[in-house]
């Protein structure tokens, strides 16, 4: 089995990168939807309903599957030896990915608040939070490509 997985490692890596790209697109876009939802849509309005549909589909159809595929492909690559247990860059990436998953969970909870009509956060909160995935992405890319630590 390991020989087979080693032979398709480049395909697993490509799948991982594609999944991460789709996941990141959602992580960048969903907080922007929240900004407009919080600032422009009255609870129960047609615009509120439109935002709810957009947010729910973005999470369910794009972000959740992309996150799952990114994690599975990443774990397979770790199993194949892509993780250097002694190098700081590997740990920076792993912690950053865990934090990114936490950010995803936080956004999922905020979507549920919008759906329930209980959002209390301002557009400014979502604007600020929009920077979290960006900072984590920078850490991950630098850790993996530059490996300064």
C-alpha atoms as a PDB file:
ATOM      1  CA  UNK A   1       0.000   0.000   0.000  1.00  0.00           C
ATOM      2  CA  UNK A   2       2.838   2.397   0.876  1.00  0.00           C
ATOM      3  CA  UNK A   3       4.453   1.777  -2.531  1.00  0.00           C
ATOM      4  CA  UNK A   4       1.191   2.678  -4.234  1.00  0.00           C
ATOM      5  CA  UNK A   5       0.752   5.842  -2.123  1.00  0.00           C
ATOM      6  CA  UNK A   6       4.375   6.855  -2.672  1.00  0.00           C
ATOM      7  CA  UNK A   7       3.864   6.482  -6.410  1.00  0.00           C
ATOM      8  CA  UNK A   8       0.879   8.802  -6.392  1.00  0.00           C
ATOM      9  CA  UNK A   9       2.436  11.304  -3.948  1.00  0.00           C
ATOM     10  CA  UNK A  10       2.573  14.097  -6.581  1.00  0.00           C
ATOM     11  CA  UNK A  11      -1.161  13.594  -7.212  1.00  0.00           C
ATOM     12  CA  UNK A  12      -1.930  13.700  -3.496  1.00  0.00           C
ATOM     13  CA  UNK A  13       0.112  16.885  -3.182  1.00  0.00           C
ATOM     14  CA  UNK A  14      -1.700  18.432  -6.158  1.00  0.00           C
ATOM     15  CA  UNK A  15      -5.071  17.474  -4.650  1.00  0.00           C
ATOM     16  CA  UNK A  16      -3.962  18.998  -1.343  1.00  0.00           C
ATOM     17  CA  UNK A  17      -2.990  22.275  -3.002  1.00  0.00           C
ATOM     18  CA  UNK A  18      -6.253  22.472  -4.966  1.00  0.00           C
ATOM     19  CA  UNK A  19      -8.293  21.786  -1.832  1.00  0.00           C
ATOM     20  CA  UNK A  20      -6.359  24.407   0.126  1.00  0.00           C
ATOM     21  CA  UNK A  21      -6.957  26.966  -2.643  1.00  0.00           C
ATOM     22  CA  UNK A  22     -10.715  26.321  -2.581  1.00  0.00           C
ATOM     23  CA  UNK A  23     -10.774  26.374   1.227  1.00  0.00           C
ATOM     24  CA  UNK A  24      -8.823  29.637   1.348  1.00  0.00           C
ATOM     25  CA  UNK A  25     -11.128  31.249  -1.207  1.00  0.00           C
ATOM     26  CA  UNK A  26     -14.046  30.494   1.100  1.00  0.00           C
ATOM     27  CA  UNK A  27     -12.161  31.661   4.196  1.00  0.00           C
ATOM     28  CA  UNK A  28     -11.497  34.977   2.458  1.00  0.00           C
ATOM     29  CA  UNK A  29     -15.006  35.387   1.028  1.00  0.00           C
ATOM     30  CA  UNK A  30     -17.265  34.324   3.907  1.00  0.00           C
ATOM     31  CA  UNK A  31     -16.220  37.131   6.292  1.00  0.00           C
ATOM     32  CA  UNK A  32     -16.858  39.634   3.473  1.00  0.00           C
ATOM     33  CA  UNK A  33     -20.373  38.232   3.096  1.00  0.00           C
ATOM     34  CA  UNK A  34     -20.783  38.642   6.860  1.00  0.00           C
ATOM     35  CA  UNK A  35     -19.695  42.296   6.626  1.00  0.00           C
ATOM     36  CA  UNK A  36     -22.412  43.082   4.090  1.00  0.00           C
ATOM     37  CA  UNK A  37     -24.943  40.883   5.850  1.00  0.00           C
ATOM     38  CA  UNK A  38     -24.353  42.666   9.170  1.00  0.00           C
ATOM     39  CA  UNK A  39     -24.386  46.134   7.640  1.00  0.00           C
ATOM     40  CA  UNK A  40     -27.040  45.950   4.922  1.00  0.00           C
ATOM     41  CA  UNK A  41     -29.629  43.267   5.699  1.00  0.00           C
ATOM     42  CA  UNK A  42     -32.448  43.680   8.196  1.00  0.00           C
ATOM     43  CA  UNK A  43     -33.417  40.471   9.982  1.00  0.00           C
ATOM     44  CA  UNK A  44     -36.101  38.642   8.010  1.00  0.00           C
ATOM     45  CA  UNK A  45     -35.680  40.773   4.884  1.00  0.00           C
ATOM     46  CA  UNK A  46     -35.266  39.345   1.418  1.00  0.00           C
ATOM     47  CA  UNK A  47     -31.615  40.436   1.467  1.00  0.00           C
ATOM     48  CA  UNK A  48     -31.133  38.648   4.804  1.00  0.00           C
ATOM     49  CA  UNK A  49     -32.520  35.453   3.258  1.00  0.00           C
ATOM     50  CA  UNK A  50     -30.267  35.837   0.212  1.00  0.00           C
ATOM     51  CA  UNK A  51     -27.166  36.239   2.380  1.00  0.00           C
ATOM     52  CA  UNK A  52     -28.172  33.222   4.452  1.00  0.00           C
ATOM     53  CA  UNK A  53     -28.426  31.058   1.332  1.00  0.00           C
ATOM     54  CA  UNK A  54     -25.090  32.317  -0.007  1.00  0.00           C
ATOM     55  CA  UNK A  55     -23.304  31.779   3.324  1.00  0.00           C
ATOM     56  CA  UNK A  56     -24.772  28.331   3.889  1.00  0.00           C
ATOM     57  CA  UNK A  57     -23.943  27.098   0.377  1.00  0.00           C
ATOM     58  CA  UNK A  58     -20.423  28.507   0.519  1.00  0.00           C
ATOM     59  CA  UNK A  59     -19.802  26.587   3.738  1.00  0.00           C
ATOM     60  CA  UNK A  60     -21.620  23.357   2.842  1.00  0.00           C
ATOM     61  CA  UNK A  61     -20.714  23.025  -0.843  1.00  0.00           C
ATOM     62  CA  UNK A  62     -17.230  24.559  -1.039  1.00  0.00           C
ATOM     63  CA  UNK A  63     -15.538  25.203   2.297  1.00  0.00           C
ATOM     64  CA  UNK A  64     -16.399  22.074   4.284  1.00  0.00           C
ATOM     65  CA  UNK A  65     -15.514  19.597   1.505  1.00  0.00           C
ATOM     66  CA  UNK A  66     -12.349  21.531   0.639  1.00  0.00           C
ATOM     67  CA  UNK A  67     -11.229  21.572   4.278  1.00  0.00           C
ATOM     68  CA  UNK A  68     -11.874  17.838   4.629  1.00  0.00           C
ATOM     69  CA  UNK A  69      -9.966  17.001   1.439  1.00  0.00           C
ATOM     70  CA  UNK A  70      -7.080  19.314   2.449  1.00  0.00           C
ATOM     71  CA  UNK A  71      -6.834  17.596   5.839  1.00  0.00           C
ATOM     72  CA  UNK A  72      -7.053  14.059   4.412  1.00  0.00           C
ATOM     73  CA  UNK A  73      -4.465  14.732   1.701  1.00  0.00           C
ATOM     74  CA  UNK A  74      -2.228  16.472   4.245  1.00  0.00           C
ATOM     75  CA  UNK A  75      -2.475  13.568   6.663  1.00  0.00           C
ATOM     76  CA  UNK A  76      -1.652  11.118   3.869  1.00  0.00           C
ATOM     77  CA  UNK A  77       1.421  13.192   3.006  1.00  0.00           C
ATOM     78  CA  UNK A  78       2.434  13.213   6.679  1.00  0.00           C
ATOM     79  CA  UNK A  79       2.049   9.432   6.677  1.00  0.00           C
ATOM     80  CA  UNK A  80       4.327   9.274   3.657  1.00  0.00           C
ATOM     81  CA  UNK A  81       7.036  11.230   5.468  1.00  0.00           C
ATOM     82  CA  UNK A  82       6.373  14.795   4.308  1.00  0.00           C
ATOM     83  CA  UNK A  83       6.381  16.061   7.908  1.00  0.00           C
ATOM     84  CA  UNK A  84       9.810  16.728   9.401  1.00  0.00           C
ATOM     85  CA  UNK A  85       9.168  16.109  13.102  1.00  0.00           C
ATOM     86  CA  UNK A  86      12.414  17.840  14.049  1.00  0.00           C
ATOM     87  CA  UNK A  87      11.948  21.012  12.015  1.00  0.00           C
ATOM     88  CA  UNK A  88      10.217  24.085  13.401  1.00  0.00           C
ATOM     89  CA  UNK A  89       8.667  24.918  10.001  1.00  0.00           C
ATOM     90  CA  UNK A  90       6.580  21.735  10.147  1.00  0.00           C
ATOM     91  CA  UNK A  91       5.203  22.649  13.553  1.00  0.00           C
ATOM     92  CA  UNK A  92       4.488  26.241  12.473  1.00  0.00           C
ATOM     93  CA  UNK A  93       2.490  24.866   9.547  1.00  0.00           C
ATOM     94  CA  UNK A  94       0.631  22.326  11.664  1.00  0.00           C
ATOM     95  CA  UNK A  95      -0.311  24.862  14.351  1.00  0.00           C
ATOM     96  CA  UNK A  96      -1.344  27.368  11.666  1.00  0.00           C
ATOM     97  CA  UNK A  97      -3.559  24.775   9.946  1.00  0.00           C
ATOM     98  CA  UNK A  98      -5.169  23.915  13.279  1.00  0.00           C
ATOM     99  CA  UNK A  99      -5.809  27.632  13.883  1.00  0.00           C
ATOM    100  CA  UNK A 100      -7.203  27.920  10.327  1.00  0.00           C
ATOM    101  CA  UNK A 101      -9.573  25.064  11.124  1.00  0.00           C
ATOM    102  CA  UNK A 102     -10.583  26.938  14.287  1.00  0.00           C
ATOM    103  CA  UNK A 103     -11.252  30.060  12.210  1.00  0.00           C
ATOM    104  CA  UNK A 104     -13.418  27.933   9.914  1.00  0.00           C
ATOM    105  CA  UNK A 105     -15.362  26.698  12.935  1.00  0.00           C
ATOM    106  CA  UNK A 106     -15.779  30.248  14.248  1.00  0.00           C
ATOM    107  CA  UNK A 107     -17.199  31.345  10.892  1.00  0.00           C
ATOM    108  CA  UNK A 108     -19.525  28.353  10.826  1.00  0.00           C
ATOM    109  CA  UNK A 109     -20.888  29.362  14.234  1.00  0.00           C
ATOM    110  CA  UNK A 110     -21.379  32.964  13.034  1.00  0.00           C
ATOM    111  CA  UNK A 111     -23.342  31.683  10.021  1.00  0.00           C
ATOM    112  CA  UNK A 112     -25.659  29.858  12.385  1.00  0.00           C
ATOM    113  CA  UNK A 113     -26.156  33.081  14.343  1.00  0.00           C
ATOM    114  CA  UNK A 114     -27.118  34.932  11.174  1.00  0.00           C
ATOM    115  CA  UNK A 115     -29.517  32.109  10.275  1.00  0.00           C
ATOM    116  CA  UNK A 116     -31.120  32.344  13.735  1.00  0.00           C
ATOM    117  CA  UNK A 117     -31.304  36.147  13.553  1.00  0.00           C
ATOM    118  CA  UNK A 118     -29.061  36.469  16.621  1.00  0.00           C
ATOM    119  CA  UNK A 119     -25.923  38.059  15.161  1.00  0.00           C
ATOM    120  CA  UNK A 120     -24.650  40.802  17.469  1.00  0.00           C
ATOM    121  CA  UNK A 121     -21.327  41.492  15.763  1.00  0.00           C
ATOM    122  CA  UNK A 122     -20.690  44.526  13.600  1.00  0.00           C
ATOM    123  CA  UNK A 123     -19.332  44.625  10.087  1.00  0.00           C
ATOM    124  CA  UNK A 124     -16.090  45.927  11.596  1.00  0.00           C
ATOM    125  CA  UNK A 125     -15.646  42.704  13.584  1.00  0.00           C
ATOM    126  CA  UNK A 126     -15.919  40.682  10.390  1.00  0.00           C
ATOM    127  CA  UNK A 127     -13.576  43.054   8.542  1.00  0.00           C
ATOM    128  CA  UNK A 128     -10.960  42.542  11.245  1.00  0.00           C
ATOM    129  CA  UNK A 129     -11.516  38.790  11.346  1.00  0.00           C
ATOM    130  CA  UNK A 130     -11.029  38.680   7.577  1.00  0.00           C
ATOM    131  CA  UNK A 131      -7.321  39.241   8.251  1.00  0.00           C
ATOM    132  CA  UNK A 132      -6.931  36.077  10.355  1.00  0.00           C
ATOM    133  CA  UNK A 133      -6.913  33.617   7.416  1.00  0.00           C
ATOM    134  CA  UNK A 134      -4.549  35.941   5.540  1.00  0.00           C
ATOM    135  CA  UNK A 135      -1.996  36.003   8.363  1.00  0.00           C
ATOM    136  CA  UNK A 136      -2.237  32.236   8.808  1.00  0.00           C
ATOM    137  CA  UNK A 137      -1.847  31.687   5.053  1.00  0.00           C
ATOM    138  CA  UNK A 138       1.320  33.818   5.032  1.00  0.00           C
ATOM    139  CA  UNK A 139       2.745  31.802   7.940  1.00  0.00           C
ATOM    140  CA  UNK A 140       1.937  28.510   6.217  1.00  0.00           C
ATOM    141  CA  UNK A 141       3.382  29.478   2.829  1.00  0.00           C
ATOM    142  CA  UNK A 142       6.572  30.927   4.344  1.00  0.00           C
ATOM    143  CA  UNK A 143       6.982  27.897   6.612  1.00  0.00           C
ATOM    144  CA  UNK A 144       6.595  25.424   3.751  1.00  0.00           C
ATOM    145  CA  UNK A 145       8.380  27.264   0.924  1.00  0.00           C
ATOM    146  CA  UNK A 146      11.087  29.337   2.662  1.00  0.00           C
ATOM    147  CA  UNK A 147      11.505  27.114   5.743  1.00  0.00           C
ATOM    148  CA  UNK A 148      13.250  29.848   7.748  1.00  0.00           C
ATOM    149  CA  UNK A 149      12.830  28.006  11.031  1.00  0.00           C
END
